[in-house]
Amino acid sequence: MPYCPSCGVEYREGFTRCSDCDVELVAALPPDESQAVVDETWVAVAAFTTDEAAGLALGFLRGEGLRAEVLDKMMHVQPYGMGLLGEVVLMTPESEAARARELLAEADLGGVALAENSDAENPSPDKEQA
């Protein structure tokens, strides 16, 4: 079956161009590169008390060409209005962690940089920064 290399739509035999993208169809799509991320170890590089602060750091690291994601460990306390418990953790691939920590330290984005040997599943900052 032919596929559109731009949008990934599968076409019936006999079609040669994507009706949406107006590009030539191919016999098969290239392998999905996102699967490579599954096999990669990600580690916590910083912890924040708000989603907004973590989002700023996330954008900063991505702007520097690093891969990063936010893991929100916040727990909403019931009843509403009592506040939040937990932290928002910034994660990067282990291979990019040292550079991410260095960039975050230079930028001083208000998070707590986590040591290289910290537990990625349960990071806990040992001091707060202003």
Protein backbone atom coordinates (compact mmCIF):
# COMPACT_ATOMS: atom_id res chain seq x y z
CA MET A 1 0.00 0.00 0.00
CA PRO A 2 1.32 3.48 -0.79
CA TYR A 3 1.76 6.11 1.92
CA CYS A 4 2.15 9.86 1.98
CA PRO A 5 5.64 10.72 3.29
CA SER A 6 4.38 14.05 4.67
CA CYS A 7 1.21 13.19 6.58
CA GLY A 8 1.53 9.39 6.85
CA VAL A 9 -1.90 8.60 5.36
CA GLU A 10 -2.21 5.16 3.76
CA TYR A 11 -3.76 5.03 0.27
CA ARG A 12 -5.28 2.21 -1.78
CA GLU A 13 -3.27 0.78 -4.66
CA GLY A 14 -3.49 2.88 -7.80
CA PHE A 15 -3.09 6.27 -6.12
CA THR A 16 0.19 8.11 -6.78
CA ARG A 17 -0.22 11.51 -5.05
CA CYS A 18 -1.51 12.59 -1.65
CA SER A 19 -4.72 14.55 -2.13
CA ASP A 20 -3.98 16.72 0.93
CA CYS A 21 -0.23 17.34 0.64
CA ASP A 22 0.10 17.09 -3.16
CA VAL A 23 3.28 14.99 -2.94
CA GLU A 24 4.23 11.67 -4.52
CA LEU A 25 3.30 8.61 -2.46
CA VAL A 26 5.97 6.11 -1.32
CA ALA A 27 5.80 2.33 -0.94
CA ALA A 28 6.60 2.43 2.79
CA LEU A 29 7.08 5.01 5.52
CA PRO A 30 10.51 5.42 7.13
CA PRO A 31 10.91 3.76 10.55
CA ASP A 32 9.46 5.70 13.48
CA GLU A 33 12.40 7.45 15.17
CA SER A 34 10.39 8.09 18.33
CA GLN A 35 10.89 4.43 19.31
CA ALA A 36 14.59 5.16 19.94
CA VAL A 37 13.54 7.39 22.85
CA VAL A 38 11.91 4.41 24.58
CA ASP A 39 15.27 2.66 24.97
CA GLU A 40 16.99 5.75 26.36
CA THR A 41 17.42 6.42 30.08
CA TRP A 42 16.07 9.79 31.23
CA VAL A 43 17.17 11.41 34.49
CA ALA A 44 15.97 14.30 36.64
CA VAL A 45 18.13 17.40 36.30
CA ALA A 46 16.09 19.99 38.25
CA ALA A 47 13.02 20.30 40.46
CA PHE A 48 10.58 23.21 40.58
CA THR A 49 7.63 24.09 42.77
CA THR A 50 5.41 25.28 39.90
CA ASP A 51 4.53 24.13 36.40
CA GLU A 52 5.28 27.62 35.11
CA ALA A 53 8.86 27.65 36.38
CA ALA A 54 9.47 24.16 34.99
CA GLY A 55 7.99 25.26 31.67
CA LEU A 56 10.42 28.17 31.46
CA ALA A 57 13.36 25.86 32.08
CA LEU A 58 11.96 23.34 29.59
CA GLY A 59 11.75 26.00 26.88
CA PHE A 60 15.23 27.23 27.73
CA LEU A 61 16.79 23.76 27.38
CA ARG A 62 14.91 23.03 24.17
CA GLY A 63 16.06 26.40 22.83
CA GLU A 64 19.63 25.27 23.50
CA GLY A 65 19.02 22.15 21.39
CA LEU A 66 18.59 19.69 24.27
CA ARG A 67 15.75 17.22 24.60
CA ALA A 68 13.78 17.70 27.81
CA GLU A 69 10.41 16.85 29.32
CA VAL A 70 8.54 17.84 32.46
CA LEU A 71 7.35 15.23 34.95
CA ASP A 72 4.63 16.74 37.13
CA LYS A 73 4.61 15.12 40.57
CA MET A 74 2.15 17.63 42.01
CA MET A 75 -0.67 16.28 44.16
CA HIS A 76 -3.77 18.38 44.63
CA VAL A 77 -4.87 18.45 48.25
CA GLN A 78 -8.60 18.08 48.92
CA PRO A 79 -10.70 20.08 49.47
CA TYR A 80 -9.73 22.47 46.70
CA GLY A 81 -8.04 25.63 47.80
CA MET A 82 -5.77 24.02 50.37
CA GLY A 83 -2.81 24.05 48.01
CA LEU A 84 -0.43 21.68 46.30
CA LEU A 85 2.09 19.17 47.53
CA GLY A 86 4.98 17.85 45.51
CA GLU A 87 7.28 19.08 42.82
CA VAL A 88 7.66 19.41 39.10
CA VAL A 89 10.75 17.64 37.79
CA LEU A 90 12.66 18.46 34.62
CA MET A 91 14.01 15.35 32.87
CA THR A 92 16.60 14.95 30.10
CA PRO A 93 18.29 11.95 28.48
CA GLU A 94 21.19 10.79 30.60
CA SER A 95 23.60 11.63 27.77
CA GLU A 96 22.50 15.30 27.90
CA ALA A 97 22.09 15.67 31.68
CA ALA A 98 25.48 17.19 32.46
CA ARG A 99 25.05 19.90 29.82
CA ALA A 100 21.47 20.57 30.98
CA ARG A 101 22.60 20.99 34.60
CA GLU A 102 25.38 23.32 33.50
CA LEU A 103 23.03 25.48 31.43
CA LEU A 104 20.42 25.63 34.20
CA ALA A 105 23.05 26.62 36.76
CA GLU A 106 24.30 29.41 34.48
CA ALA A 107 20.77 30.66 33.82
CA ASP A 108 19.63 30.39 37.46
CA LEU A 109 15.99 29.81 36.56
CA GLY A 110 14.85 29.40 40.16
CA GLY A 111 14.82 25.62 40.34
CA VAL A 112 16.87 23.30 42.44
CA ALA A 113 19.52 21.56 40.36
CA LEU A 114 19.67 17.88 41.20
CA ALA A 115 22.97 16.13 41.66
CA GLU A 116 24.06 13.61 39.07
CA ASN A 117 23.56 10.74 41.53
CA SER A 118 20.05 11.76 42.63
CA ASP A 119 17.20 9.26 42.40
CA ALA A 120 15.35 10.02 39.13
CA GLU A 121 12.15 8.43 40.38
CA ASN A 122 12.05 10.34 43.66
CA PRO A 123 14.19 13.46 43.45
CA SER A 124 14.13 15.69 46.51
CA PRO A 125 15.79 19.08 46.56
CA ASP A 126 18.04 19.65 49.55
CA LYS A 127 17.77 23.44 49.47
CA GLU A 128 15.53 26.10 47.98
CA GLN A 129 16.78 28.89 45.73
CA ALA A 130 15.19 32.31 45.47
